[in-house]
PDB file of N, CA and C in Angstrom:
ATOM      1  N   MET A   1      12.616 -27.629 -70.523  1.00  0.00           N
ATOM      2  CA  MET A   1      13.547 -26.908 -71.152  1.00  0.00           C
ATOM      3  C   MET A   1      14.116 -27.670 -72.109  1.00  0.00           C
ATOM      4  N   TYR A   2      14.502 -28.987 -72.014  1.00  0.00           N
ATOM      5  CA  TYR A   2      14.899 -29.758 -73.178  1.00  0.00           C
ATOM      6  C   TYR A   2      13.868 -30.969 -73.551  1.00  0.00           C
ATOM      7  N   ASN A   3      13.116 -30.508 -74.576  1.00  0.00           N
ATOM      8  CA  ASN A   3      12.042 -31.673 -74.888  1.00  0.00           C
ATOM      9  C   ASN A   3      12.546 -32.806 -75.458  1.00  0.00           C
ATOM     10  N   THR A   4      13.492 -32.855 -76.848  1.00  0.00           N
ATOM     11  CA  THR A   4      13.704 -33.700 -77.445  1.00  0.00           C
ATOM     12  C   THR A   4      15.033 -34.124 -77.113  1.00  0.00           C
ATOM     13  N   PRO A   5      15.576 -35.334 -77.299  1.00  0.00           N
ATOM     14  CA  PRO A   5      16.897 -35.950 -76.954  1.00  0.00           C
ATOM     15  C   PRO A   5      18.158 -35.128 -77.897  1.00  0.00           C
ATOM     16  N   SER A   6      17.947 -34.674 -78.766  1.00  0.00           N
ATOM     17  CA  SER A   6      18.866 -33.906 -79.497  1.00  0.00           C
ATOM     18  C   SER A   6      19.080 -32.592 -78.697  1.00  0.00           C
ATOM     19  N   GLN A   7      17.951 -32.001 -78.218  1.00  0.00           N
ATOM     20  CA  GLN A   7      18.278 -30.743 -77.359  1.00  0.00           C
ATOM     21  C   GLN A   7      18.627 -30.977 -76.134  1.00  0.00           C
ATOM     22  N   ARG A   8      18.574 -32.140 -75.405  1.00  0.00           N
ATOM     23  CA  ARG A   8      19.301 -32.450 -73.879  1.00  0.00           C
ATOM     24  C   ARG A   8      20.688 -31.985 -73.846  1.00  0.00           C
ATOM     25  N   ALA A   9      21.143 -31.064 -72.671  1.00  0.00           N
ATOM     26  CA  ALA A   9      22.455 -30.938 -72.350  1.00  0.00           C
ATOM     27  C   ALA A   9      23.349 -32.447 -72.408  1.00  0.00           C
ATOM     28  N   PRO A  10      24.617 -32.057 -72.731  1.00  0.00           N
ATOM     29  CA  PRO A  10      25.486 -32.946 -72.760  1.00  0.00           C
ATOM     30  C   PRO A  10      25.995 -33.387 -71.513  1.00  0.00           C
ATOM     31  N   LYS A  11      26.156 -34.689 -70.946  1.00  0.00           N
ATOM     32  CA  LYS A  11      26.358 -35.108 -69.675  1.00  0.00           C
ATOM     33  C   LYS A  11      27.811 -35.044 -69.508  1.00  0.00           C
ATOM     34  N   ARG A  12      28.037 -34.503 -68.327  1.00  0.00           N
ATOM     35  CA  ARG A  12      29.539 -34.490 -68.284  1.00  0.00           C
ATOM     36  C   ARG A  12      29.988 -35.123 -66.889  1.00  0.00           C
ATOM     37  N   LYS A  13      31.227 -35.875 -67.034  1.00  0.00           N
ATOM     38  CA  LYS A  13      31.854 -36.628 -66.007  1.00  0.00           C
ATOM     39  C   LYS A  13      31.976 -35.642 -64.684  1.00  0.00           C
ATOM     40  N   SER A  14      31.737 -36.731 -63.533  1.00  0.00           N
ATOM     41  CA  SER A  14      32.075 -35.971 -62.437  1.00  0.00           C
ATOM     42  C   SER A  14      33.477 -35.080 -62.012  1.00  0.00           C
ATOM     43  N   SER A  15      34.515 -35.485 -62.727  1.00  0.00           N
ATOM     44  CA  SER A  15      35.607 -34.990 -62.512  1.00  0.00           C
ATOM     45  C   SER A  15      35.647 -33.561 -63.340  1.00  0.00           C
ATOM     46  N   GLN A  16      35.005 -33.815 -64.573  1.00  0.00           N
ATOM     47  CA  GLN A  16      34.740 -32.117 -65.053  1.00  0.00           C
ATOM     48  C   GLN A  16      34.262 -31.304 -64.281  1.00  0.00           C
ATOM     49  N   VAL A  17      33.061 -31.729 -63.664  1.00  0.00           N
ATOM     50  CA  VAL A  17      32.289 -30.891 -62.873  1.00  0.00           C
ATOM     51  C   VAL A  17      33.033 -30.242 -61.640  1.00  0.00           C
ATOM     52  N   LYS A  18      33.930 -31.347 -61.201  1.00  0.00           N
ATOM     53  CA  LYS A  18      34.778 -30.978 -59.784  1.00  0.00           C
ATOM     54  C   LYS A  18      35.965 -29.820 -60.453  1.00  0.00           C
ATOM     55  N   GLN A  19      36.267 -29.863 -61.543  1.00  0.00           N
ATOM     56  CA  GLN A  19      37.371 -29.142 -62.076  1.00  0.00           C
ATOM     57  C   GLN A  19      36.770 -27.959 -62.300  1.00  0.00           C
ATOM     58  N   ASP A  20      35.454 -27.839 -62.734  1.00  0.00           N
ATOM     59  CA  ASP A  20      35.001 -26.432 -63.277  1.00  0.00           C
ATOM     60  C   ASP A  20      34.629 -25.676 -62.014  1.00  0.00           C
ATOM     61  N   LEU A  21      34.034 -26.408 -60.605  1.00  0.00           N
ATOM     62  CA  LEU A  21      34.162 -25.933 -59.293  1.00  0.00           C
ATOM     63  C   LEU A  21      35.183 -25.443 -58.831  1.00  0.00           C
ATOM     64  N   ASN A  22      36.106 -26.152 -58.907  1.00  0.00           N
ATOM     65  CA  ASN A  22      37.486 -25.542 -58.277  1.00  0.00           C
ATOM     66  C   ASN A  22      38.072 -24.327 -59.402  1.00  0.00           C
ATOM     67  N   ALA A  23      37.709 -24.503 -60.420  1.00  0.00           N
ATOM     68  CA  ALA A  23      38.111 -23.137 -61.287  1.00  0.00           C
ATOM     69  C   ALA A  23      37.555 -21.916 -60.876  1.00  0.00           C
ATOM     70  N   GLU A  24      36.025 -22.041 -60.612  1.00  0.00           N
ATOM     71  CA  GLU A  24      35.173 -21.165 -60.026  1.00  0.00           C
ATOM     72  C   GLU A  24      35.750 -20.541 -58.757  1.00  0.00           C
ATOM     73  N   LYS A  25      36.066 -21.314 -57.852  1.00  0.00           N
ATOM     74  CA  LYS A  25      36.456 -21.080 -56.589  1.00  0.00           C
ATOM     75  C   LYS A  25      37.851 -20.105 -56.626  1.00  0.00           C
ATOM     76  N   GLU A  26      38.798 -20.611 -57.522  1.00  0.00           N
ATOM     77  CA  GLU A  26      39.834 -19.898 -57.595  1.00  0.00           C
ATOM     78  C   GLU A  26      39.894 -18.490 -58.222  1.00  0.00           C
ATOM     79  N   ASP A  27      38.883 -18.340 -59.153  1.00  0.00           N
ATOM     80  CA  ASP A  27      38.222 -17.164 -59.674  1.00  0.00           C
ATOM     81  C   ASP A  27      37.768 -15.905 -58.632  1.00  0.00           C
ATOM     82  N   ASN A  28      37.130 -16.795 -57.769  1.00  0.00           N
ATOM     83  CA  ASN A  28      36.436 -15.881 -56.644  1.00  0.00           C
ATOM     84  C   ASN A  28      37.210 -15.393 -55.465  1.00  0.00           C
ATOM     85  N   GLU A  29      38.330 -16.097 -55.394  1.00  0.00           N
ATOM     86  CA  GLU A  29      39.231 -15.865 -54.275  1.00  0.00           C
ATOM     87  C   GLU A  29      39.942 -14.404 -54.426  1.00  0.00           C
ATOM     88  N   ILE A  30      39.892 -13.846 -53.098  1.00  0.00           N
ATOM     89  CA  ILE A  30      40.494 -12.477 -53.103  1.00  0.00           C
ATOM     90  C   ILE A  30      42.276 -12.727 -53.085  1.00  0.00           C
ATOM     91  N   LYS A  31      42.970 -12.172 -53.885  1.00  0.00           N
ATOM     92  CA  LYS A  31      44.255 -12.181 -54.084  1.00  0.00           C
ATOM     93  C   LYS A  31      45.032 -11.291 -53.059  1.00  0.00           C
ATOM     94  N   VAL A  32      45.873 -11.595 -52.183  1.00  0.00           N
ATOM     95  CA  VAL A  32      46.591 -10.629 -51.276  1.00  0.00           C
ATOM     96  C   VAL A  32      48.021 -10.194 -52.247  1.00  0.00           C
ATOM     97  N   PRO A  33      48.100  -8.954 -52.331  1.00  0.00           N
ATOM     98  CA  PRO A  33      49.339  -8.176 -52.829  1.00  0.00           C
ATOM     99  C   PRO A  33      50.617  -8.738 -52.314  1.00  0.00           C
ATOM    100  N   LYS A  34      51.690  -8.990 -53.073  1.00  0.00           N
ATOM    101  CA  LYS A  34      52.967  -9.594 -52.408  1.00  0.00           C
ATOM    102  C   LYS A  34      53.884  -8.259 -52.230  1.00  0.00           C
ATOM    103  N   LEU A  35      53.308  -7.192 -52.394  1.00  0.00           N
ATOM    104  CA  LEU A  35      54.343  -6.266 -52.452  1.00  0.00           C
ATOM    105  C   LEU A  35      53.754  -5.265 -51.016  1.00  0.00           C
ATOM    106  N   ILE A  36      54.628  -4.655 -50.342  1.00  0.00           N
ATOM    107  CA  ILE A  36      53.876  -3.586 -49.436  1.00  0.00           C
ATOM    108  C   ILE A  36      53.972  -2.034 -49.953  1.00  0.00           C
ATOM    109  N   ILE A  37      53.213  -1.395 -49.514  1.00  0.00           N
ATOM    110  CA  ILE A  37      53.170  -0.140 -50.216  1.00  0.00           C
ATOM    111  C   ILE A  37      54.533   0.854 -50.189  1.00  0.00           C
ATOM    112  N   TRP A  38      55.304   0.553 -49.596  1.00  0.00           N
ATOM    113  CA  TRP A  38      56.947   1.126 -49.631  1.00  0.00           C
ATOM    114  C   TRP A  38      57.699   0.357 -50.744  1.00  0.00           C
ATOM    115  N   GLY A  39      57.453  -0.761 -50.817  1.00  0.00           N
ATOM    116  CA  GLY A  39      58.041  -1.298 -52.131  1.00  0.00           C
ATOM    117  C   GLY A  39      57.490  -0.748 -53.217  1.00  0.00           C
ATOM    118  N   VAL A  40      56.271  -0.687 -53.423  1.00  0.00           N
ATOM    119  CA  VAL A  40      55.676  -0.285 -54.652  1.00  0.00           C
ATOM    120  C   VAL A  40      56.038   1.417 -54.874  1.00  0.00           C
ATOM    121  N   ILE A  41      56.255   2.080 -53.791  1.00  0.00           N
ATOM    122  CA  ILE A  41      56.453   3.399 -54.069  1.00  0.00           C
ATOM    123  C   ILE A  41      58.245   3.603 -54.450  1.00  0.00           C
ATOM    124  N   ILE A  42      58.803   2.931 -53.933  1.00  0.00           N
ATOM    125  CA  ILE A  42      60.270   2.584 -54.312  1.00  0.00           C
ATOM    126  C   ILE A  42      60.565   2.139 -55.561  1.00  0.00           C
ATOM    127  N   THR A  43      59.919   1.011 -56.058  1.00  0.00           N
ATOM    128  CA  THR A  43      59.858   0.598 -57.313  1.00  0.00           C
ATOM    129  C   THR A  43      59.269   1.722 -58.456  1.00  0.00           C
ATOM    130  N   LEU A  44      58.214   2.232 -58.207  1.00  0.00           N
ATOM    131  CA  LEU A  44      57.744   3.453 -59.215  1.00  0.00           C
ATOM    132  C   LEU A  44      58.835   4.505 -59.230  1.00  0.00           C
ATOM    133  N   GLY A  45      59.469   4.853 -58.269  1.00  0.00           N
ATOM    134  CA  GLY A  45      60.373   5.967 -58.123  1.00  0.00           C
ATOM    135  C   GLY A  45      61.651   5.491 -59.166  1.00  0.00           C
ATOM    136  N   PHE A  46      62.106   4.031 -58.806  1.00  0.00           N
ATOM    137  CA  PHE A  46      63.137   3.663 -59.512  1.00  0.00           C
ATOM    138  C   PHE A  46      62.950   3.543 -60.921  1.00  0.00           C
ATOM    139  N   SER A  47      61.583   3.036 -61.299  1.00  0.00           N
ATOM    140  CA  SER A  47      61.318   2.955 -62.760  1.00  0.00           C
ATOM    141  C   SER A  47      61.367   4.386 -63.525  1.00  0.00           C
ATOM    142  N   THR A  48      60.636   5.535 -62.560  1.00  0.00           N
ATOM    143  CA  THR A  48      60.649   6.760 -63.164  1.00  0.00           C
ATOM    144  C   THR A  48      61.886   7.360 -63.494  1.00  0.00           C
ATOM    145  N   ALA A  49      62.797   7.222 -62.524  1.00  0.00           N
ATOM    146  CA  ALA A  49      63.986   7.561 -62.819  1.00  0.00           C
ATOM    147  C   ALA A  49      64.723   7.224 -64.042  1.00  0.00           C
ATOM    148  N   LEU A  50      64.485   6.061 -63.946  1.00  0.00           N
ATOM    149  CA  LEU A  50      65.455   5.201 -64.970  1.00  0.00           C
ATOM    150  C   LEU A  50      64.717   5.482 -66.584  1.00  0.00           C
ATOM    151  N   VAL A  51      63.229   5.788 -66.704  1.00  0.00           N
ATOM    152  CA  VAL A  51      62.719   6.110 -67.713  1.00  0.00           C
ATOM    153  C   VAL A  51      63.129   7.439 -68.194  1.00  0.00           C
ATOM    154  N   ALA A  52      63.424   8.339 -67.057  1.00  0.00           N
ATOM    155  CA  ALA A  52      63.476   9.711 -67.486  1.00  0.00           C
ATOM    156  C   ALA A  52      65.376   9.672 -68.065  1.00  0.00           C
ATOM    157  N   PHE A  53      66.084   8.972 -67.559  1.00  0.00           N
ATOM    158  CA  PHE A  53      67.395   8.829 -67.866  1.00  0.00           C
ATOM    159  C   PHE A  53      67.411   8.410 -69.448  1.00  0.00           C
ATOM    160  N   TYR A  54      66.842   7.416 -69.412  1.00  0.00           N
ATOM    161  CA  TYR A  54      66.855   6.803 -70.814  1.00  0.00           C
ATOM    162  C   TYR A  54      66.060   7.751 -72.052  1.00  0.00           C
ATOM    163  N   SER A  55      65.058   8.202 -71.455  1.00  0.00           N
ATOM    164  CA  SER A  55      64.498   9.472 -72.474  1.00  0.00           C
ATOM    165  C   SER A  55      65.413  10.449 -72.683  1.00  0.00           C
ATOM    166  N   GLU A  56      66.245  10.813 -71.983  1.00  0.00           N
ATOM    167  CA  GLU A  56      67.076  11.986 -72.428  1.00  0.00           C
ATOM    168  C   GLU A  56      68.132  11.550 -73.243  1.00  0.00           C
ATOM    169  N   PHE A  57      68.776  10.162 -72.744  1.00  0.00           N
ATOM    170  CA  PHE A  57      69.919   9.475 -73.675  1.00  0.00           C
ATOM    171  C   PHE A  57      69.558   9.396 -75.162  1.00  0.00           C
ATOM    172  N   MET A  58      68.026   9.071 -75.330  1.00  0.00           N
ATOM    173  CA  MET A  58      67.436   8.785 -76.472  1.00  0.00           C
ATOM    174  C   MET A  58      67.396  10.043 -77.426  1.00  0.00           C
ATOM    175  N   VAL A  59      66.719  11.315 -76.503  1.00  0.00           N
ATOM    176  CA  VAL A  59      66.651  12.472 -77.226  1.00  0.00           C
ATOM    177  C   VAL A  59      68.053  13.325 -77.947  1.00  0.00           C
ATOM    178  N   ASP A  60      69.098  12.640 -76.755  1.00  0.00           N
ATOM    179  CA  ASP A  60      70.186  13.277 -77.353  1.00  0.00           C
ATOM    180  C   ASP A  60      70.857  12.611 -78.345  1.00  0.00           C
ATOM    181  N   SER A  61      70.725  11.324 -78.780  1.00  0.00           N
ATOM    182  CA  SER A  61      71.174  10.624 -79.734  1.00  0.00           C
ATOM    183  C   SER A  61      70.559  10.991 -81.067  1.00  0.00           C
ATOM    184  N   ILE A  62      69.478  11.250 -80.830  1.00  0.00           N
ATOM    185  CA  ILE A  62      68.385  11.522 -82.036  1.00  0.00           C
ATOM    186  C   ILE A  62      69.295  12.613 -82.829  1.00  0.00           C
ATOM    187  N   SER A  63      69.672  13.716 -82.047  1.00  0.00           N
ATOM    188  CA  SER A  63      70.416  14.989 -82.786  1.00  0.00           C
ATOM    189  C   SER A  63      71.827  14.542 -83.483  1.00  0.00           C
ATOM    190  N   ASP A  64      72.374  13.428 -82.929  1.00  0.00           N
ATOM    191  CA  ASP A  64      73.506  12.871 -83.299  1.00  0.00           C
ATOM    192  C   ASP A  64      73.273  11.996 -84.819  1.00  0.00           C
ATOM    193  N   ILE A  65      72.316  11.110 -84.529  1.00  0.00           N
ATOM    194  CA  ILE A  65      71.886  10.659 -85.920  1.00  0.00           C
ATOM    195  C   ILE A  65      71.627  11.303 -86.876  1.00  0.00           C
ATOM    196  N   THR A  66      70.721  12.605 -86.701  1.00  0.00           N
ATOM    197  CA  THR A  66      70.147  13.100 -87.799  1.00  0.00           C
ATOM    198  C   THR A  66      70.994  14.125 -88.374  1.00  0.00           C
ATOM    199  N   ALA A  67      71.999  14.655 -87.646  1.00  0.00           N
ATOM    200  CA  ALA A  67      73.145  15.411 -87.957  1.00  0.00           C
ATOM    201  C   ALA A  67      73.745  15.045 -89.125  1.00  0.00           C
ATOM    202  N   SER A  68      74.179  13.582 -89.315  1.00  0.00           N
ATOM    203  CA  SER A  68      74.943  12.897 -90.270  1.00  0.00           C
ATOM    204  C   SER A  68      74.131  12.979 -91.610  1.00  0.00           C
ATOM    205  N   GLY A  69      72.830  13.163 -91.904  1.00  0.00           N
ATOM    206  CA  GLY A  69      72.066  13.192 -92.991  1.00  0.00           C
ATOM    207  C   GLY A  69      71.463  11.870 -93.513  1.00  0.00           C
ATOM    208  N   THR A  70      71.819  11.155 -92.868  1.00  0.00           N
ATOM    209  CA  THR A  70      71.484   9.616 -93.610  1.00  0.00           C
ATOM    210  C   THR A  70      70.049   9.412 -93.177  1.00  0.00           C
ATOM    211  N   ILE A  71      69.571   9.776 -92.028  1.00  0.00           N
ATOM    212  CA  ILE A  71      68.311   9.505 -91.551  1.00  0.00           C
ATOM    213  C   ILE A  71      67.931  10.918 -91.184  1.00  0.00           C
ATOM    214  N   SER A  72      66.406  11.042 -91.714  1.00  0.00           N
ATOM    215  CA  SER A  72      65.977  12.409 -91.648  1.00  0.00           C
ATOM    216  C   SER A  72      64.951  12.589 -90.169  1.00  0.00           C
ATOM    217  N   THR A  73      64.946  13.560 -89.722  1.00  0.00           N
ATOM    218  CA  THR A  73      64.124  13.914 -88.710  1.00  0.00           C
ATOM    219  C   THR A  73      62.602  13.504 -88.486  1.00  0.00           C
ATOM    220  N   THR A  74      62.136  13.607 -89.711  1.00  0.00           N
ATOM    221  CA  THR A  74      60.806  13.338 -90.009  1.00  0.00           C
ATOM    222  C   THR A  74      60.572  11.917 -89.906  1.00  0.00           C
ATOM    223  N   PHE A  75      61.562  10.905 -90.209  1.00  0.00           N
ATOM    224  CA  PHE A  75      61.431   9.358 -90.109  1.00  0.00           C
ATOM    225  C   PHE A  75      61.525   9.061 -88.861  1.00  0.00           C
ATOM    226  N   VAL A  76      62.653   9.676 -87.990  1.00  0.00           N
ATOM    227  CA  VAL A  76      62.935   9.573 -86.858  1.00  0.00           C
ATOM    228  C   VAL A  76      61.453   9.878 -86.023  1.00  0.00           C
ATOM    229  N   GLY A  77      61.077  11.041 -86.127  1.00  0.00           N
ATOM    230  CA  GLY A  77      59.880  11.701 -85.508  1.00  0.00           C
ATOM    231  C   GLY A  77      58.566  10.722 -85.604  1.00  0.00           C
ATOM    232  N   LEU A  78      58.380  10.196 -86.982  1.00  0.00           N
ATOM    233  CA  LEU A  78      56.840   9.481 -87.303  1.00  0.00           C
ATOM    234  C   LEU A  78      57.253   8.070 -87.437  1.00  0.00           C
ATOM    235  N   ILE A  79      58.390   7.292 -87.382  1.00  0.00           N
ATOM    236  CA  ILE A  79      58.457   5.761 -87.360  1.00  0.00           C
ATOM    237  C   ILE A  79      59.179   5.232 -86.118  1.00  0.00           C
ATOM    238  N   LEU A  80      60.345   5.772 -85.968  1.00  0.00           N
ATOM    239  CA  LEU A  80      61.016   5.355 -84.819  1.00  0.00           C
ATOM    240  C   LEU A  80      60.445   5.559 -83.374  1.00  0.00           C
ATOM    241  N   LEU A  81      60.434   6.655 -83.004  1.00  0.00           N
ATOM    242  CA  LEU A  81      59.975   7.132 -81.952  1.00  0.00           C
ATOM    243  C   LEU A  81      58.600   6.540 -81.481  1.00  0.00           C
ATOM    244  N   PRO A  82      57.549   6.245 -82.298  1.00  0.00           N
ATOM    245  CA  PRO A  82      56.516   5.357 -82.015  1.00  0.00           C
ATOM    246  C   PRO A  82      56.668   3.851 -81.540  1.00  0.00           C
ATOM    247  N   ILE A  83      57.631   3.528 -82.554  1.00  0.00           N
ATOM    248  CA  ILE A  83      58.042   2.080 -82.358  1.00  0.00           C
ATOM    249  C   ILE A  83      58.630   1.876 -80.926  1.00  0.00           C
ATOM    250  N   VAL A  84      59.792   2.952 -80.485  1.00  0.00           N
ATOM    251  CA  VAL A  84      60.100   2.463 -79.494  1.00  0.00           C
ATOM    252  C   VAL A  84      59.390   3.033 -78.105  1.00  0.00           C
ATOM    253  N   GLY A  85      58.526   4.007 -78.431  1.00  0.00           N
ATOM    254  CA  GLY A  85      57.599   4.496 -77.403  1.00  0.00           C
ATOM    255  C   GLY A  85      56.440   3.306 -77.075  1.00  0.00           C
ATOM    256  N   ASN A  86      56.276   2.079 -77.969  1.00  0.00           N
ATOM    257  CA  ASN A  86      55.119   1.170 -77.679  1.00  0.00           C
ATOM    258  C   ASN A  86      55.881   0.003 -77.562  1.00  0.00           C
ATOM    259  N   ALA A  87      57.027  -0.066 -77.421  1.00  0.00           N
ATOM    260  CA  ALA A  87      57.877  -1.235 -77.107  1.00  0.00           C
ATOM    261  C   ALA A  87      57.075  -2.031 -75.955  1.00  0.00           C
ATOM    262  N   ALA A  88      56.915  -1.537 -74.829  1.00  0.00           N
ATOM    263  CA  ALA A  88      56.254  -2.090 -73.600  1.00  0.00           C
ATOM    264  C   ALA A  88      54.957  -2.855 -74.123  1.00  0.00           C
ATOM    265  N   LYS A  89      54.115  -2.369 -74.895  1.00  0.00           N
ATOM    266  CA  LYS A  89      52.969  -2.778 -75.233  1.00  0.00           C
ATOM    267  C   LYS A  89      53.151  -4.248 -76.169  1.00  0.00           C
ATOM    268  N   TYR A  90      54.205  -3.879 -76.917  1.00  0.00           N
ATOM    269  CA  TYR A  90      54.535  -5.020 -77.874  1.00  0.00           C
ATOM    270  C   TYR A  90      55.146  -6.262 -77.026  1.00  0.00           C
ATOM    271  N   ILE A  91      55.813  -5.742 -76.025  1.00  0.00           N
ATOM    272  CA  ILE A  91      56.209  -7.260 -74.989  1.00  0.00           C
ATOM    273  C   ILE A  91      55.008  -7.551 -74.204  1.00  0.00           C
ATOM    274  N   ILE A  92      54.191  -6.869 -73.775  1.00  0.00           N
ATOM    275  CA  ILE A  92      53.022  -7.294 -73.075  1.00  0.00           C
ATOM    276  C   ILE A  92      52.319  -8.210 -74.151  1.00  0.00           C
ATOM    277  N   ALA A  93      51.905  -7.699 -75.359  1.00  0.00           N
ATOM    278  CA  ALA A  93      51.226  -8.587 -76.234  1.00  0.00           C
ATOM    279  C   ALA A  93      51.879 -10.034 -76.525  1.00  0.00           C
ATOM    280  N   VAL A  94      53.118  -9.767 -76.755  1.00  0.00           N
ATOM    281  CA  VAL A  94      53.831 -11.371 -76.935  1.00  0.00           C
ATOM    282  C   VAL A  94      53.770 -12.298 -75.563  1.00  0.00           C
ATOM    283  N   THR A  95      53.745 -11.682 -74.508  1.00  0.00           N
ATOM    284  CA  THR A  95      53.937 -12.524 -73.003  1.00  0.00           C
ATOM    285  C   THR A  95      52.443 -12.864 -73.060  1.00  0.00           C
ATOM    286  N   VAL A  96      51.110 -12.013 -73.311  1.00  0.00           N
ATOM    287  CA  VAL A  96      49.973 -12.559 -72.839  1.00  0.00           C
ATOM    288  C   VAL A  96      49.621 -13.651 -73.952  1.00  0.00           C
ATOM    289  N   ALA A  97      50.118 -13.279 -75.384  1.00  0.00           N
ATOM    290  CA  ALA A  97      50.046 -14.432 -76.325  1.00  0.00           C
ATOM    291  C   ALA A  97      50.555 -16.080 -75.754  1.00  0.00           C
ATOM    292  N   CYS A  98      51.461 -15.844 -75.394  1.00  0.00           N
ATOM    293  CA  CYS A  98      52.296 -17.029 -74.799  1.00  0.00           C
ATOM    294  C   CYS A  98      51.435 -17.655 -73.746  1.00  0.00           C
ATOM    295  N   LYS A  99      50.520 -16.840 -73.065  1.00  0.00           N
ATOM    296  CA  LYS A  99      49.442 -17.595 -72.156  1.00  0.00           C
ATOM    297  C   LYS A  99      48.409 -17.961 -72.474  1.00  0.00           C
ATOM    298  N   ASP A 100      47.817 -17.857 -73.914  1.00  0.00           N
ATOM    299  CA  ASP A 100      46.726 -18.045 -74.566  1.00  0.00           C
ATOM    300  C   ASP A 100      45.592 -17.113 -74.048  1.00  0.00           C
ATOM    301  N   LYS A 101      45.977 -15.831 -74.016  1.00  0.00           N
ATOM    302  CA  LYS A 101      44.910 -14.903 -73.966  1.00  0.00           C
ATOM    303  C   LYS A 101      44.727 -14.196 -75.205  1.00  0.00           C
ATOM    304  N   ILE A 102      44.274 -14.778 -76.054  1.00  0.00           N
ATOM    305  CA  ILE A 102      44.321 -14.052 -77.297  1.00  0.00           C
ATOM    306  C   ILE A 102      43.332 -12.772 -77.339  1.00  0.00           C
ATOM    307  N   SER A 103      42.238 -12.734 -76.705  1.00  0.00           N
ATOM    308  CA  SER A 103      41.398 -11.418 -76.845  1.00  0.00           C
ATOM    309  C   SER A 103      42.036 -10.401 -76.055  1.00  0.00           C
ATOM    310  N   LEU A 104      43.024 -10.554 -75.183  1.00  0.00           N
ATOM    311  CA  LEU A 104      43.728  -9.280 -74.642  1.00  0.00           C
ATOM    312  C   LEU A 104      44.806  -9.040 -75.745  1.00  0.00           C
ATOM    313  N   VAL A 105      45.335  -9.790 -76.340  1.00  0.00           N
ATOM    314  CA  VAL A 105      46.094  -9.527 -77.493  1.00  0.00           C
ATOM    315  C   VAL A 105      45.549  -8.475 -78.525  1.00  0.00           C
ATOM    316  N   ILE A 106      44.324  -8.993 -78.940  1.00  0.00           N
ATOM    317  CA  ILE A 106      43.729  -8.511 -80.082  1.00  0.00           C
ATOM    318  C   ILE A 106      43.520  -6.996 -79.484  1.00  0.00           C
ATOM    319  N   ASN A 107      42.957  -6.825 -78.305  1.00  0.00           N
ATOM    320  CA  ASN A 107      42.620  -5.537 -77.689  1.00  0.00           C
ATOM    321  C   ASN A 107      43.719  -4.741 -77.552  1.00  0.00           C
ATOM    322  N   VAL A 108      45.060  -5.089 -77.271  1.00  0.00           N
ATOM    323  CA  VAL A 108      46.321  -4.203 -77.313  1.00  0.00           C
ATOM    324  C   VAL A 108      46.319  -3.734 -78.423  1.00  0.00           C
ATOM    325  N   ALA A 109      46.415  -4.894 -79.527  1.00  0.00           N
ATOM    326  CA  ALA A 109      46.843  -4.389 -81.121  1.00  0.00           C
ATOM    327  C   ALA A 109      45.749  -3.474 -81.651  1.00  0.00           C
ATOM    328  N   ILE A 110      44.429  -3.577 -81.171  1.00  0.00           N
ATOM    329  CA  ILE A 110      43.634  -2.493 -81.919  1.00  0.00           C
ATOM    330  C   ILE A 110      43.945  -1.130 -81.194  1.00  0.00           C
ATOM    331  N   ARG A 111      44.119  -1.353 -79.906  1.00  0.00           N
ATOM    332  CA  ARG A 111      44.281   0.243 -79.330  1.00  0.00           C
ATOM    333  C   ARG A 111      45.603   0.772 -79.570  1.00  0.00           C
ATOM    334  N   SER A 112      46.700  -0.017 -79.873  1.00  0.00           N
ATOM    335  CA  SER A 112      47.592   0.478 -80.353  1.00  0.00           C
ATOM    336  C   SER A 112      47.688   0.908 -81.837  1.00  0.00           C
ATOM    337  N   SER A 113      46.577   0.354 -82.722  1.00  0.00           N
ATOM    338  CA  SER A 113      46.710   1.201 -84.141  1.00  0.00           C
ATOM    339  C   SER A 113      45.756   2.291 -84.058  1.00  0.00           C
ATOM    340  N   ILE A 114      44.812   2.284 -83.161  1.00  0.00           N
ATOM    341  CA  ILE A 114      44.091   3.397 -82.661  1.00  0.00           C
ATOM    342  C   ILE A 114      44.845   4.817 -82.549  1.00  0.00           C
TER     343      ILE A 114
END
């Protein structure tokens, strides 16, 4: 496969090989979930109620802001609401960027743009 010295694979130290094998084992292990099903259902129900409450609050405040005439309903609908609606994506992108997973950050940014 490697005929000339310049084509030979670089030699790796045994410690690097051990680290690579340990990393492979960690990737192949099945991870046990930390929450039970009722914990997941309760968390989902609570977060759904919280989102509904804050959405209602935001919709009510839009009419108060636009009634004063300083901000138009078009600006609120086309600029502010998409920013607020995608806030979770932005937070995830920043969190993942801190963990050096740039490909995922780029994926989130592209999907948000589309």
